Every structure is written in structure tokens, then in C-alpha cells.
Amino acid sequence: MEKLNFTLTDPAKLKDNLIRMIASDWMLVTAGTKEKFNTMTANWGGMGYLWNKNVVFVFLRPERYTYEFMERSEGFTLTFFDVQYRDALNLCGSRSGRECDKVTETGLTPFFTDSGYPAFTEARIVIECNKLYATQLIREAFTDQDPLNTHYRTKGGLHKIYIAEIIKCWTR
């Protein structure tokens, strides 16, 4: 990673506003292998400390192509970009990898971590994660019906939440 101009960073020392990074700046969730992977834009998730580990949590709908890769993989990456990559993030959030080659269309350059997880050289932050826990959200568990009524009115399944340990974090 050093050769890609990234510096290994303690995730607890990130100076960025994590809520803004995820909710407004967005991130790419990427899973798969060197042979085949997919990425998608996401803005639901977070970072914290759980089970004595630095963790992230992300949400994916079963209909998303990236979901298939997440299910087959032990881990994934989250990548965060500067504003000049907003068009690439828009494309990755609006087009399916089943129907287009997102890497070619965005011009992003993939690389693979030592664990073999795909990420992008243009990112300013790369977080490499190993899955710890995953569960499907269920309608009966919502104690407040507003999120259910607001975000799940249209067809499509409820999200699955993945909790993953941060195994490495790199910054520029």
C-alpha cells in the first residue's frame, strides 16, 4: 500500500467527521475477488467500537448486485473519495454492475489489498474489513415505524446489516 501513496492509519485517529463522510460524502462498498468484484455507493452505515474491536457497519439490500459478492466474501473495503469523484460515486449508486462495467465507466483504478479485497487507488481513505456478523432486518423488530414506512414503502427487501472488524485503514 505504501507504493500507492497511502499511509497505514489507526482508524481511531481519523480526523474526518464520520457522519458527514458516510451520509453526505458517500462511500463505495466493494467486495469480491481479483477475478470478479462489484462496488456500490452507500450512505447508510457507521463506525464504532464493539466486541473490543474497531468496527464498521453497512447495510445492503438483497437486490443489489454487490450483495452477492458480500455474501461470498469474508471481507470487503469501504473507500472514501474527494469531491472530484462525485460523478463516479453517482454512477456506482445508480447503475448495476450486472448491466455495466463500473470500473471502465467511472475510470477508477482497482487494486487489491494484501487480503485480496478490492479497493481503488483514487480513494483518500481505504478501510479494509473482515465480516463478524450479518443479519437481515425484520419488520417486526422496528420499534419506531417511521423508518419502515419511509424507507421501505416501495418494492424491495429490507436491508441486511453487516458488522465487520476494521483490519487496516489507510489514508492519503
N, C-alpha and C. Protein backbone atom coordinates (compact mmCIF):
# COMPACT_ATOMS: atom_id res chain seq x y z
N MET A 1 0.82 -1.20 0.00
CA MET A 1 0.00 0.00 0.00
C MET A 1 0.86 1.25 0.00
N GLU A 2 2.02 1.18 0.62
CA GLU A 2 2.88 2.37 0.66
C GLU A 2 3.20 2.85 -0.76
N LYS A 3 3.37 1.91 -1.68
CA LYS A 3 3.72 2.30 -3.04
C LYS A 3 2.57 3.03 -3.73
N LEU A 4 1.36 2.94 -3.20
CA LEU A 4 0.20 3.64 -3.74
C LEU A 4 -0.01 4.99 -3.06
N ASN A 5 0.97 5.42 -2.30
CA ASN A 5 0.91 6.70 -1.58
C ASN A 5 -0.15 6.73 -0.48
N PHE A 6 -0.42 5.60 0.11
CA PHE A 6 -1.29 5.52 1.28
C PHE A 6 -0.42 5.33 2.51
N THR A 7 -0.93 5.79 3.65
CA THR A 7 -0.25 5.60 4.92
C THR A 7 -1.16 4.80 5.83
N LEU A 8 -0.63 3.74 6.42
CA LEU A 8 -1.39 2.96 7.38
C LEU A 8 -1.76 3.87 8.54
N THR A 9 -3.03 3.87 8.92
CA THR A 9 -3.55 4.81 9.91
C THR A 9 -4.39 4.08 10.94
N ASP A 10 -4.29 4.48 12.18
CA ASP A 10 -5.16 3.96 13.22
C ASP A 10 -6.55 4.54 12.97
N PRO A 11 -7.58 3.70 12.74
CA PRO A 11 -8.91 4.24 12.44
C PRO A 11 -9.47 5.11 13.57
N ALA A 12 -9.04 4.89 14.78
CA ALA A 12 -9.50 5.71 15.91
C ALA A 12 -8.94 7.12 15.83
N LYS A 13 -7.95 7.35 14.98
CA LYS A 13 -7.34 8.67 14.87
C LYS A 13 -7.77 9.41 13.60
N LEU A 14 -8.76 8.89 12.88
CA LEU A 14 -9.28 9.62 11.72
C LEU A 14 -9.83 10.96 12.20
N LYS A 15 -9.47 12.02 11.53
CA LYS A 15 -9.90 13.35 11.93
C LYS A 15 -11.19 13.79 11.23
N ASP A 16 -11.58 13.04 10.20
CA ASP A 16 -12.77 13.38 9.44
C ASP A 16 -14.04 13.20 10.27
N ASN A 17 -15.07 13.95 9.93
CA ASN A 17 -16.38 13.79 10.55
C ASN A 17 -17.02 12.55 9.92
N LEU A 18 -17.12 11.47 10.68
CA LEU A 18 -17.58 10.19 10.15
C LEU A 18 -19.03 10.24 9.67
N ILE A 19 -19.87 10.99 10.35
CA ILE A 19 -21.27 11.10 9.91
C ILE A 19 -21.32 11.79 8.55
N ARG A 20 -20.60 12.87 8.39
CA ARG A 20 -20.59 13.57 7.10
C ARG A 20 -19.98 12.69 6.02
N MET A 21 -18.89 12.00 6.35
CA MET A 21 -18.22 11.13 5.37
C MET A 21 -19.19 10.10 4.81
N ILE A 22 -19.98 9.49 5.67
CA ILE A 22 -20.88 8.42 5.22
C ILE A 22 -22.18 8.98 4.65
N ALA A 23 -22.82 9.88 5.37
CA ALA A 23 -24.14 10.36 4.95
C ALA A 23 -24.10 11.29 3.76
N SER A 24 -23.15 12.19 3.71
CA SER A 24 -23.13 13.22 2.67
C SER A 24 -22.09 13.00 1.59
N ASP A 25 -20.88 12.58 1.99
CA ASP A 25 -19.81 12.39 1.01
C ASP A 25 -19.92 11.04 0.32
N TRP A 26 -20.56 10.09 0.98
CA TRP A 26 -20.77 8.73 0.48
C TRP A 26 -19.49 7.91 0.49
N MET A 27 -19.67 6.63 0.27
CA MET A 27 -18.55 5.69 0.23
C MET A 27 -18.87 4.62 -0.79
N LEU A 28 -17.84 3.93 -1.23
CA LEU A 28 -18.04 2.74 -2.05
C LEU A 28 -17.84 1.52 -1.16
N VAL A 29 -18.77 0.58 -1.24
CA VAL A 29 -18.65 -0.72 -0.60
C VAL A 29 -18.28 -1.67 -1.73
N THR A 30 -17.14 -2.34 -1.57
CA THR A 30 -16.62 -3.18 -2.64
C THR A 30 -16.26 -4.56 -2.10
N ALA A 31 -16.73 -5.59 -2.78
CA ALA A 31 -16.46 -6.96 -2.36
C ALA A 31 -16.24 -7.83 -3.58
N GLY A 32 -15.51 -8.91 -3.38
CA GLY A 32 -15.26 -9.86 -4.45
C GLY A 32 -13.80 -10.27 -4.49
N THR A 33 -13.39 -10.74 -5.65
CA THR A 33 -12.04 -11.26 -5.84
C THR A 33 -11.38 -10.55 -7.02
N LYS A 34 -10.13 -10.85 -7.25
CA LYS A 34 -9.43 -10.28 -8.41
C LYS A 34 -10.12 -10.70 -9.71
N GLU A 35 -10.70 -11.86 -9.70
CA GLU A 35 -11.36 -12.36 -10.91
C GLU A 35 -12.69 -11.63 -11.17
N LYS A 36 -13.43 -11.33 -10.10
CA LYS A 36 -14.73 -10.68 -10.27
C LYS A 36 -15.13 -10.00 -8.96
N PHE A 37 -15.46 -8.73 -9.04
CA PHE A 37 -15.90 -7.97 -7.87
C PHE A 37 -16.94 -6.95 -8.32
N ASN A 38 -17.60 -6.36 -7.36
CA ASN A 38 -18.53 -5.28 -7.66
C ASN A 38 -18.43 -4.24 -6.55
N THR A 39 -18.83 -3.04 -6.91
CA THR A 39 -18.82 -1.93 -5.97
C THR A 39 -20.14 -1.19 -6.06
N MET A 40 -20.53 -0.58 -4.98
CA MET A 40 -21.75 0.23 -4.96
C MET A 40 -21.56 1.41 -4.02
N THR A 41 -22.25 2.49 -4.33
CA THR A 41 -22.25 3.65 -3.47
C THR A 41 -23.20 3.39 -2.31
N ALA A 42 -22.80 3.80 -1.13
CA ALA A 42 -23.64 3.64 0.06
C ALA A 42 -23.52 4.87 0.93
N ASN A 43 -24.58 5.14 1.66
CA ASN A 43 -24.51 6.21 2.66
C ASN A 43 -25.28 5.83 3.92
N TRP A 44 -25.46 4.54 4.12
CA TRP A 44 -26.01 4.03 5.37
C TRP A 44 -24.94 3.17 6.02
N GLY A 45 -24.54 3.55 7.19
CA GLY A 45 -23.54 2.78 7.91
C GLY A 45 -22.93 3.61 9.01
N GLY A 46 -21.88 3.09 9.57
CA GLY A 46 -21.20 3.80 10.63
C GLY A 46 -19.95 3.08 11.07
N MET A 47 -19.26 3.68 12.03
CA MET A 47 -18.05 3.12 12.61
C MET A 47 -18.13 3.26 14.11
N GLY A 48 -17.50 2.33 14.79
CA GLY A 48 -17.50 2.40 16.24
C GLY A 48 -16.63 1.34 16.85
N TYR A 49 -16.98 0.99 18.07
CA TYR A 49 -16.20 0.04 18.85
C TYR A 49 -17.18 -0.98 19.42
N LEU A 50 -16.95 -2.25 19.10
CA LEU A 50 -17.86 -3.32 19.51
C LEU A 50 -17.05 -4.59 19.68
N TRP A 51 -17.37 -5.35 20.72
CA TRP A 51 -16.70 -6.63 20.96
C TRP A 51 -15.18 -6.45 21.05
N ASN A 52 -14.76 -5.34 21.65
CA ASN A 52 -13.35 -4.99 21.81
C ASN A 52 -12.62 -4.85 20.48
N LYS A 53 -13.34 -4.41 19.47
CA LYS A 53 -12.75 -4.24 18.14
C LYS A 53 -13.24 -2.93 17.52
N ASN A 54 -12.39 -2.34 16.69
CA ASN A 54 -12.83 -1.23 15.84
C ASN A 54 -13.66 -1.84 14.73
N VAL A 55 -14.88 -1.34 14.54
CA VAL A 55 -15.79 -1.96 13.58
C VAL A 55 -16.44 -0.91 12.67
N VAL A 56 -16.96 -1.41 11.57
CA VAL A 56 -17.86 -0.65 10.71
C VAL A 56 -19.15 -1.46 10.62
N PHE A 57 -20.22 -0.76 10.26
CA PHE A 57 -21.44 -1.48 9.91
C PHE A 57 -22.02 -0.83 8.66
N VAL A 58 -22.48 -1.67 7.75
CA VAL A 58 -23.04 -1.21 6.49
C VAL A 58 -24.31 -2.00 6.21
N PHE A 59 -25.15 -1.42 5.37
CA PHE A 59 -26.44 -2.01 5.04
C PHE A 59 -26.53 -2.22 3.53
N LEU A 60 -26.94 -3.42 3.12
CA LEU A 60 -27.13 -3.71 1.69
C LEU A 60 -28.48 -4.41 1.50
N ARG A 61 -29.18 -4.00 0.45
CA ARG A 61 -30.41 -4.70 0.08
C ARG A 61 -30.06 -5.97 -0.69
N PRO A 62 -30.84 -7.02 -0.50
CA PRO A 62 -30.57 -8.28 -1.22
C PRO A 62 -30.64 -8.15 -2.74
N GLU A 63 -31.34 -7.16 -3.24
CA GLU A 63 -31.48 -6.98 -4.69
C GLU A 63 -30.22 -6.42 -5.33
N ARG A 64 -29.36 -5.83 -4.54
CA ARG A 64 -28.16 -5.20 -5.09
C ARG A 64 -27.15 -6.26 -5.54
N TYR A 65 -26.51 -6.02 -6.65
CA TYR A 65 -25.52 -6.95 -7.18
C TYR A 65 -24.37 -7.15 -6.20
N THR A 66 -23.95 -6.09 -5.54
CA THR A 66 -22.84 -6.18 -4.58
C THR A 66 -23.18 -7.14 -3.44
N TYR A 67 -24.46 -7.26 -3.11
CA TYR A 67 -24.90 -8.18 -2.05
C TYR A 67 -24.39 -9.60 -2.32
N GLU A 68 -24.46 -10.05 -3.56
CA GLU A 68 -23.99 -11.39 -3.90
C GLU A 68 -22.51 -11.56 -3.56
N PHE A 69 -21.72 -10.53 -3.82
CA PHE A 69 -20.29 -10.59 -3.54
C PHE A 69 -20.04 -10.53 -2.04
N MET A 70 -20.81 -9.71 -1.32
CA MET A 70 -20.67 -9.63 0.14
C MET A 70 -20.97 -10.97 0.79
N GLU A 71 -21.96 -11.66 0.28
CA GLU A 71 -22.34 -12.95 0.85
C GLU A 71 -21.24 -14.00 0.66
N ARG A 72 -20.53 -13.92 -0.44
CA ARG A 72 -19.49 -14.92 -0.74
C ARG A 72 -18.13 -14.58 -0.15
N SER A 73 -17.93 -13.36 0.27
CA SER A 73 -16.61 -12.90 0.71
C SER A 73 -16.49 -12.86 2.22
N GLU A 74 -15.28 -13.08 2.71
CA GLU A 74 -15.00 -12.95 4.15
C GLU A 74 -14.89 -11.49 4.55
N GLY A 75 -14.62 -10.62 3.56
CA GLY A 75 -14.44 -9.22 3.87
C GLY A 75 -14.72 -8.33 2.69
N PHE A 76 -14.45 -7.04 2.89
CA PHE A 76 -14.76 -6.03 1.88
C PHE A 76 -13.98 -4.77 2.21
N THR A 77 -14.08 -3.79 1.33
CA THR A 77 -13.48 -2.49 1.63
C THR A 77 -14.54 -1.40 1.56
N LEU A 78 -14.28 -0.35 2.32
CA LEU A 78 -15.01 0.91 2.20
C LEU A 78 -14.00 1.92 1.71
N THR A 79 -14.35 2.66 0.67
CA THR A 79 -13.45 3.69 0.16
C THR A 79 -14.16 5.02 0.12
N PHE A 80 -13.44 6.06 0.52
CA PHE A 80 -13.95 7.42 0.58
C PHE A 80 -13.11 8.28 -0.35
N PHE A 81 -13.77 9.23 -1.03
CA PHE A 81 -13.12 9.99 -2.10
C PHE A 81 -13.28 11.49 -1.88
N ASP A 82 -12.43 12.25 -2.55
CA ASP A 82 -12.59 13.70 -2.61
C ASP A 82 -13.74 14.03 -3.55
N VAL A 83 -14.20 15.26 -3.49
CA VAL A 83 -15.39 15.70 -4.22
C VAL A 83 -15.27 15.53 -5.73
N GLN A 84 -14.08 15.57 -6.29
CA GLN A 84 -13.95 15.45 -7.74
C GLN A 84 -14.39 14.08 -8.25
N TYR A 85 -14.61 13.11 -7.37
CA TYR A 85 -15.05 11.78 -7.78
C TYR A 85 -16.56 11.59 -7.58
N ARG A 86 -17.29 12.67 -7.36
CA ARG A 86 -18.73 12.57 -7.11
C ARG A 86 -19.47 11.93 -8.29
N ASP A 87 -19.09 12.23 -9.52
CA ASP A 87 -19.74 11.62 -10.68
C ASP A 87 -19.54 10.11 -10.68
N ALA A 88 -18.35 9.66 -10.32
CA ALA A 88 -18.10 8.22 -10.24
C ALA A 88 -18.98 7.58 -9.17
N LEU A 89 -19.11 8.25 -8.03
CA LEU A 89 -19.96 7.72 -6.96
C LEU A 89 -21.42 7.70 -7.39
N ASN A 90 -21.86 8.74 -8.11
CA ASN A 90 -23.22 8.76 -8.63
C ASN A 90 -23.47 7.57 -9.56
N LEU A 91 -22.53 7.32 -10.47
CA LEU A 91 -22.70 6.19 -11.37
C LEU A 91 -22.76 4.88 -10.60
N CYS A 92 -21.87 4.69 -9.63
CA CYS A 92 -21.83 3.44 -8.87
C CYS A 92 -23.07 3.24 -8.01
N GLY A 93 -23.80 4.32 -7.75
CA GLY A 93 -25.03 4.21 -6.98
C GLY A 93 -26.29 4.14 -7.82
N SER A 94 -26.16 4.41 -9.11
CA SER A 94 -27.36 4.44 -9.95
C SER A 94 -27.37 3.36 -11.03
N ARG A 95 -26.25 2.72 -11.26
CA ARG A 95 -26.17 1.68 -12.29
C ARG A 95 -25.78 0.35 -11.63
N SER A 96 -26.28 -0.72 -12.17
CA SER A 96 -25.96 -2.04 -11.64
C SER A 96 -24.76 -2.61 -12.35
N GLY A 97 -23.90 -3.27 -11.58
CA GLY A 97 -22.77 -3.98 -12.15
C GLY A 97 -23.20 -5.17 -13.00
N ARG A 98 -24.46 -5.56 -12.90
CA ARG A 98 -24.99 -6.61 -13.78
C ARG A 98 -25.12 -6.11 -15.21
N GLU A 99 -25.28 -4.78 -15.34
CA GLU A 99 -25.58 -4.19 -16.64
C GLU A 99 -24.45 -3.35 -17.23
N CYS A 100 -23.44 -3.03 -16.44
CA CYS A 100 -22.34 -2.22 -16.96
C CYS A 100 -21.05 -2.57 -16.22
N ASP A 101 -19.95 -2.15 -16.78
CA ASP A 101 -18.64 -2.30 -16.15
C ASP A 101 -18.34 -0.98 -15.44
N LYS A 102 -18.61 -0.94 -14.15
CA LYS A 102 -18.47 0.31 -13.40
C LYS A 102 -17.03 0.83 -13.40
N VAL A 103 -16.06 -0.07 -13.35
CA VAL A 103 -14.66 0.36 -13.34
C VAL A 103 -14.33 1.09 -14.63
N THR A 104 -14.73 0.54 -15.75
CA THR A 104 -14.46 1.18 -17.04
C THR A 104 -15.21 2.51 -17.15
N GLU A 105 -16.48 2.51 -16.79
CA GLU A 105 -17.30 3.71 -16.95
C GLU A 105 -16.90 4.85 -16.01
N THR A 106 -16.40 4.52 -14.82
CA THR A 106 -16.00 5.57 -13.88
C THR A 106 -14.55 6.00 -14.07
N GLY A 107 -13.74 5.12 -14.64
CA GLY A 107 -12.31 5.40 -14.76
C GLY A 107 -11.54 5.15 -13.48
N LEU A 108 -12.18 4.59 -12.47
CA LEU A 108 -11.48 4.27 -11.22
C LEU A 108 -10.52 3.11 -11.45
N THR A 109 -9.44 3.11 -10.67
CA THR A 109 -8.39 2.11 -10.83
C THR A 109 -8.40 1.15 -9.64
N PRO A 110 -8.78 -0.10 -9.86
CA PRO A 110 -8.80 -1.03 -8.74
C PRO A 110 -7.40 -1.51 -8.36
N PHE A 111 -7.24 -1.82 -7.09
CA PHE A 111 -6.08 -2.54 -6.59
C PHE A 111 -6.59 -3.50 -5.55
N PHE A 112 -5.76 -4.41 -5.10
CA PHE A 112 -6.20 -5.42 -4.15
C PHE A 112 -5.30 -5.39 -2.93
N THR A 113 -5.93 -5.42 -1.77
CA THR A 113 -5.19 -5.38 -0.51
C THR A 113 -4.44 -6.69 -0.34
N ASP A 114 -3.61 -6.75 0.69
CA ASP A 114 -2.89 -7.99 0.98
C ASP A 114 -3.84 -9.15 1.24
N SER A 115 -5.04 -8.85 1.72
CA SER A 115 -6.05 -9.89 1.95
C SER A 115 -6.81 -10.24 0.67
N GLY A 116 -6.55 -9.50 -0.40
CA GLY A 116 -7.20 -9.78 -1.67
C GLY A 116 -8.50 -9.04 -1.90
N TYR A 117 -8.79 -8.05 -1.05
CA TYR A 117 -10.04 -7.31 -1.19
C TYR A 117 -9.85 -6.13 -2.15
N PRO A 118 -10.82 -5.89 -3.02
CA PRO A 118 -10.70 -4.81 -3.99
C PRO A 118 -10.92 -3.44 -3.36
N ALA A 119 -10.14 -2.47 -3.83
CA ALA A 119 -10.29 -1.06 -3.42
C ALA A 119 -9.85 -0.22 -4.63
N PHE A 120 -9.77 1.10 -4.44
CA PHE A 120 -9.48 1.99 -5.57
C PHE A 120 -8.35 2.96 -5.23
N THR A 121 -7.42 3.11 -6.18
CA THR A 121 -6.25 3.95 -5.93
C THR A 121 -6.61 5.42 -5.77
N GLU A 122 -7.73 5.86 -6.32
CA GLU A 122 -8.12 7.27 -6.23
C GLU A 122 -8.71 7.64 -4.87
N ALA A 123 -8.99 6.68 -4.03
CA ALA A 123 -9.59 6.94 -2.72
C ALA A 123 -8.65 7.76 -1.85
N ARG A 124 -9.23 8.51 -0.93
CA ARG A 124 -8.42 9.21 0.05
C ARG A 124 -8.37 8.45 1.37
N ILE A 125 -9.37 7.57 1.58
CA ILE A 125 -9.38 6.68 2.75
C ILE A 125 -9.83 5.30 2.27
N VAL A 126 -9.10 4.28 2.67
CA VAL A 126 -9.47 2.90 2.38
C VAL A 126 -9.56 2.18 3.72
N ILE A 127 -10.69 1.54 3.96
CA ILE A 127 -10.89 0.76 5.18
C ILE A 127 -11.13 -0.68 4.78
N GLU A 128 -10.23 -1.55 5.21
CA GLU A 128 -10.31 -2.98 4.90
C GLU A 128 -10.97 -3.69 6.08
N CYS A 129 -11.96 -4.53 5.79
CA CYS A 129 -12.80 -5.10 6.84
C CYS A 129 -13.00 -6.60 6.68
N ASN A 130 -13.07 -7.30 7.81
CA ASN A 130 -13.47 -8.71 7.83
C ASN A 130 -14.82 -8.80 8.53
N LYS A 131 -15.75 -9.51 7.89
CA LYS A 131 -17.09 -9.63 8.44
C LYS A 131 -17.06 -10.39 9.77
N LEU A 132 -17.85 -9.89 10.72
CA LEU A 132 -18.01 -10.53 12.02
C LEU A 132 -19.43 -11.06 12.22
N TYR A 133 -20.40 -10.35 11.68
CA TYR A 133 -21.81 -10.65 11.95
C TYR A 133 -22.66 -10.07 10.84
N ALA A 134 -23.70 -10.77 10.48
CA ALA A 134 -24.64 -10.26 9.48
C ALA A 134 -26.03 -10.77 9.82
N THR A 135 -27.00 -9.90 9.65
CA THR A 135 -28.38 -10.32 9.88
C THR A 135 -29.32 -9.48 9.03
N GLN A 136 -30.41 -10.10 8.65
CA GLN A 136 -31.43 -9.43 7.86
C GLN A 136 -32.33 -8.61 8.79
N LEU A 137 -32.58 -7.35 8.43
CA LEU A 137 -33.56 -6.57 9.19
C LEU A 137 -34.93 -7.22 9.02
N ILE A 138 -35.73 -7.17 10.08
CA ILE A 138 -37.08 -7.73 10.00
C ILE A 138 -38.09 -6.69 10.44
N ARG A 139 -39.23 -6.68 9.77
CA ARG A 139 -40.27 -5.68 10.03
C ARG A 139 -40.70 -5.66 11.49
N GLU A 140 -40.83 -6.82 12.10
CA GLU A 140 -41.33 -6.92 13.47
C GLU A 140 -40.39 -6.31 14.50
N ALA A 141 -39.13 -6.12 14.15
CA ALA A 141 -38.15 -5.59 15.10
C ALA A 141 -38.13 -4.07 15.15
N PHE A 142 -38.82 -3.39 14.22
CA PHE A 142 -38.84 -1.93 14.24
C PHE A 142 -39.70 -1.45 15.41
N THR A 143 -39.09 -0.75 16.34
CA THR A 143 -39.85 -0.20 17.46
C THR A 143 -40.45 1.16 17.11
N ASP A 144 -39.90 1.79 16.10
CA ASP A 144 -40.43 3.03 15.53
C ASP A 144 -40.78 2.71 14.08
N GLN A 145 -42.01 2.87 13.71
CA GLN A 145 -42.47 2.50 12.37
C GLN A 145 -42.08 3.53 11.30
N ASP A 146 -41.63 4.72 11.71
CA ASP A 146 -41.31 5.75 10.73
C ASP A 146 -40.23 5.31 9.74
N PRO A 147 -39.08 4.78 10.18
CA PRO A 147 -38.09 4.33 9.19
C PRO A 147 -38.65 3.26 8.26
N LEU A 148 -39.43 2.35 8.80
CA LEU A 148 -40.02 1.29 7.98
C LEU A 148 -40.96 1.88 6.94
N ASN A 149 -41.82 2.79 7.36
CA ASN A 149 -42.78 3.39 6.44
C ASN A 149 -42.13 4.34 5.45
N THR A 150 -41.07 5.01 5.86
CA THR A 150 -40.40 5.97 4.99
C THR A 150 -39.48 5.31 3.98
N HIS A 151 -38.73 4.31 4.39
CA HIS A 151 -37.68 3.75 3.53
C HIS A 151 -38.03 2.41 2.88
N TYR A 152 -39.13 1.82 3.26
CA TYR A 152 -39.46 0.51 2.72
C TYR A 152 -40.89 0.46 2.17
N ARG A 153 -41.38 1.59 1.67
CA ARG A 153 -42.72 1.63 1.06
C ARG A 153 -42.73 0.97 -0.31
N THR A 154 -41.65 1.11 -1.05
CA THR A 154 -41.58 0.57 -2.40
C THR A 154 -41.16 -0.89 -2.35
N LYS A 155 -41.27 -1.53 -3.49
CA LYS A 155 -40.85 -2.94 -3.52
C LYS A 155 -39.36 -3.05 -3.25
N GLY A 156 -38.96 -4.20 -2.84
CA GLY A 156 -37.57 -4.43 -2.49
C GLY A 156 -37.48 -4.91 -1.06
N GLY A 157 -36.46 -5.68 -0.80
CA GLY A 157 -36.32 -6.26 0.53
C GLY A 157 -35.74 -5.29 1.54
N LEU A 158 -35.88 -5.65 2.78
CA LEU A 158 -35.23 -4.91 3.85
C LEU A 158 -33.73 -5.15 3.75
N HIS A 159 -32.98 -4.22 4.23
CA HIS A 159 -31.52 -4.33 4.18
C HIS A 159 -31.01 -5.45 5.09
N LYS A 160 -29.81 -5.91 4.75
CA LYS A 160 -29.06 -6.78 5.64
C LYS A 160 -27.95 -5.92 6.22
N ILE A 161 -27.72 -6.06 7.51
CA ILE A 161 -26.64 -5.31 8.15
C ILE A 161 -25.43 -6.23 8.30
N TYR A 162 -24.28 -5.69 7.96
CA TYR A 162 -23.01 -6.39 8.13
C TYR A 162 -22.19 -5.59 9.13
N ILE A 163 -21.73 -6.27 10.17
CA ILE A 163 -20.80 -5.68 11.13
C ILE A 163 -19.45 -6.33 10.85
N ALA A 164 -18.43 -5.49 10.68
CA ALA A 164 -17.12 -6.02 10.29
C ALA A 164 -16.01 -5.34 11.09
N GLU A 165 -15.00 -6.12 11.38
CA GLU A 165 -13.82 -5.57 12.05
C GLU A 165 -12.97 -4.81 11.04
N ILE A 166 -12.49 -3.66 11.46
CA ILE A 166 -11.54 -2.91 10.63
C ILE A 166 -10.19 -3.58 10.84
N ILE A 167 -9.65 -4.17 9.77
CA ILE A 167 -8.35 -4.82 9.92
C ILE A 167 -7.21 -3.91 9.51
N LYS A 168 -7.48 -2.99 8.58
CA LYS A 168 -6.49 -1.98 8.21
C LYS A 168 -7.22 -0.74 7.70
N CYS A 169 -6.59 0.39 7.93
CA CYS A 169 -7.12 1.66 7.44
C CYS A 169 -5.95 2.44 6.87
N TRP A 170 -6.14 2.95 5.65
CA TRP A 170 -5.11 3.74 5.00
C TRP A 170 -5.66 5.10 4.62
N THR A 171 -4.83 6.10 4.72
CA THR A 171 -5.22 7.45 4.34
C THR A 171 -4.15 8.05 3.43
N ARG A 172 -4.54 9.12 2.78
CA ARG A 172 -3.58 9.90 1.96
C ARG A 172 -3.20 11.11 2.76
